[in-house]
């Protein structure tokens, strides 16, 4: 009976720690989701953007890598998670829906990154810089495209 109880206690503790480990950093995780969705929209857009679409995708990939590194850094250093989240409404125009959707998702990602706790070993700021570059390239792609 005591062995069962010990196994149950260990199971409950491990379950709790798993939930805590993966429920942290909601803004960083939301930003990563926004970036992944933005990347999918950019990839679905037509290729006639003067190279800006491809450049935006590369900046998004860089931003995702920095977000992942920031999350990992924060977990290693046991920083508290921020719970404030902002999700702007996405509005796409009929002429370039994928590019417009990507632009809104990138803006949402930037907002989530800005609302995340600031200490991520410098990776949060690097991710914001890459998102800003992706936003600029996406805007240029919208201007260059049909």
Protein backbone atom coordinates (compact mmCIF):
# COMPACT_ATOMS: atom_id res chain seq x y z
CA UNK A 1 0.00 0.00 0.00
CA UNK A 2 2.77 2.51 0.82
CA UNK A 3 4.55 1.70 -2.43
CA UNK A 4 1.35 2.54 -4.35
CA UNK A 5 1.02 5.76 -2.45
CA UNK A 6 4.63 6.72 -3.23
CA UNK A 7 4.12 5.98 -6.94
CA UNK A 8 0.93 8.08 -6.91
CA UNK A 9 2.68 11.01 -5.20
CA UNK A 10 5.57 10.86 -7.68
CA UNK A 11 3.11 10.72 -10.60
CA UNK A 12 1.17 13.74 -9.29
CA UNK A 13 4.37 15.73 -8.75
CA UNK A 14 5.70 14.94 -12.22
CA UNK A 15 2.34 15.80 -13.78
CA UNK A 16 2.26 19.12 -11.96
CA UNK A 17 5.82 19.96 -12.98
CA UNK A 18 5.03 19.10 -16.60
CA UNK A 19 2.00 21.41 -16.60
CA UNK A 20 4.04 24.20 -15.03
CA UNK A 21 6.88 23.75 -17.51
CA UNK A 22 4.63 23.91 -20.55
CA UNK A 23 2.09 26.47 -19.36
CA UNK A 24 4.72 29.16 -18.94
CA UNK A 25 5.58 32.11 -21.15
CA UNK A 26 2.19 32.55 -22.84
CA UNK A 27 3.27 35.62 -24.79
CA UNK A 28 6.37 33.94 -26.18
CA UNK A 29 4.39 30.84 -27.11
CA UNK A 30 1.62 32.95 -28.68
CA UNK A 31 4.25 34.89 -30.63
CA UNK A 32 5.75 31.62 -31.89
CA UNK A 33 2.29 30.48 -33.02
CA UNK A 34 1.71 33.82 -34.76
CA UNK A 35 5.07 33.55 -36.48
CA UNK A 36 4.40 30.00 -37.64
CA UNK A 37 1.02 31.07 -39.01
CA UNK A 38 2.57 34.13 -40.66
CA UNK A 39 5.19 31.91 -42.28
CA UNK A 40 2.45 29.63 -43.64
CA UNK A 41 0.63 32.65 -45.09
CA UNK A 42 3.81 33.98 -46.67
CA UNK A 43 4.56 30.58 -48.16
CA UNK A 44 1.02 30.38 -49.58
CA UNK A 45 1.29 33.82 -51.23
CA UNK A 46 2.22 34.15 -54.89
CA UNK A 47 5.92 34.48 -55.62
CA UNK A 48 5.75 37.77 -57.56
CA UNK A 49 6.95 39.98 -54.70
CA UNK A 50 10.38 41.03 -55.92
CA UNK A 51 12.16 38.72 -53.47
CA UNK A 52 10.57 40.43 -50.45
CA UNK A 53 8.30 37.46 -49.64
CA UNK A 54 11.31 35.13 -49.50
CA UNK A 55 13.23 37.62 -47.38
CA UNK A 56 10.27 37.98 -45.01
CA UNK A 57 10.11 34.18 -44.63
CA UNK A 58 13.80 34.11 -43.69
CA UNK A 59 13.28 36.85 -41.07
CA UNK A 60 10.29 34.93 -39.69
CA UNK A 61 12.41 31.77 -39.46
CA UNK A 62 15.11 33.74 -37.63
CA UNK A 63 12.49 35.21 -35.27
CA UNK A 64 11.09 31.73 -34.51
CA UNK A 65 14.60 30.51 -33.68
CA UNK A 66 15.15 33.48 -31.35
CA UNK A 67 11.77 32.95 -29.67
CA UNK A 68 12.67 29.28 -29.08
CA UNK A 69 16.06 30.27 -27.68
CA UNK A 70 14.43 32.90 -25.45
CA UNK A 71 11.94 30.38 -24.09
CA UNK A 72 14.74 27.90 -23.42
CA UNK A 73 16.88 30.58 -21.76
CA UNK A 74 14.00 31.66 -19.54
CA UNK A 75 13.25 28.07 -18.51
CA UNK A 76 16.89 27.42 -17.62
CA UNK A 77 16.98 30.54 -15.48
CA UNK A 78 13.53 30.02 -13.88
CA UNK A 79 12.14 33.44 -14.69
CA UNK A 80 8.49 34.15 -13.90
CA UNK A 81 6.06 34.19 -16.82
CA UNK A 82 3.98 37.20 -17.76
CA UNK A 83 0.26 36.58 -18.21
CA UNK A 84 -0.70 39.67 -20.24
CA UNK A 85 -1.71 38.76 -23.79
CA UNK A 86 -2.81 40.90 -26.72
CA UNK A 87 -4.43 39.47 -29.84
CA UNK A 88 -5.22 42.09 -32.50
CA UNK A 89 -7.98 41.33 -34.96
CA UNK A 90 -6.80 40.16 -38.37
CA UNK A 91 -8.20 41.91 -41.44
CA UNK A 92 -7.23 40.75 -44.92
CA UNK A 93 -7.79 42.72 -48.09
CA UNK A 94 -9.06 40.90 -51.18
CA UNK A 95 -6.07 41.65 -53.42
CA UNK A 96 -3.39 39.85 -51.39
CA UNK A 97 -5.06 37.90 -48.59
CA UNK A 98 -2.03 35.77 -47.68
CA UNK A 99 0.35 38.71 -47.51
CA UNK A 100 -2.16 40.82 -45.55
CA UNK A 101 -2.87 37.93 -43.18
CA UNK A 102 0.86 37.38 -42.68
CA UNK A 103 1.29 41.09 -41.92
CA UNK A 104 -1.41 40.99 -39.23
CA UNK A 105 0.04 37.81 -37.73
CA UNK A 106 3.50 39.38 -37.66
CA UNK A 107 2.10 42.43 -35.89
CA UNK A 108 0.39 40.15 -33.40
CA UNK A 109 3.65 38.25 -32.88
CA UNK A 110 5.47 41.54 -32.26
CA UNK A 111 2.82 42.57 -29.74
CA UNK A 112 3.12 39.25 -27.91
CA UNK A 113 6.89 39.54 -27.85
CA UNK A 114 6.69 43.10 -26.52
CA UNK A 115 4.32 41.93 -23.75
CA UNK A 116 6.54 39.00 -22.75
CA UNK A 117 8.85 39.31 -19.79
CA UNK A 118 11.88 41.25 -20.91
CA UNK A 119 14.70 38.99 -19.73
CA UNK A 120 15.20 36.20 -22.24
CA UNK A 121 18.95 36.36 -22.57
CA UNK A 122 18.61 38.94 -25.35
CA UNK A 123 16.71 36.55 -27.63
CA UNK A 124 13.37 38.35 -27.20
CA UNK A 125 14.86 41.56 -28.57
CA UNK A 126 16.53 39.69 -31.45
CA UNK A 127 13.18 38.07 -32.28
CA UNK A 128 11.47 41.49 -32.25
CA UNK A 129 14.16 42.84 -34.59
CA UNK A 130 13.60 39.93 -36.99
CA UNK A 131 9.82 40.36 -36.81
CA UNK A 132 10.21 44.05 -37.63
CA UNK A 133 12.35 43.13 -40.64
CA UNK A 134 9.76 40.55 -41.70
CA UNK A 135 7.03 43.21 -41.39
CA UNK A 136 9.05 45.60 -43.56
CA UNK A 137 9.69 42.92 -46.19
CA UNK A 138 6.05 41.86 -46.17
CA UNK A 139 4.93 45.46 -46.73
CA UNK A 140 7.42 45.79 -49.60
CA UNK A 141 6.12 42.51 -51.03
CA UNK A 142 2.56 43.81 -50.90
CA UNK A 143 3.67 46.95 -52.75
CA UNK A 144 5.62 44.89 -55.32
CA UNK A 145 2.94 42.26 -55.91
CA UNK A 146 -0.16 42.37 -58.04
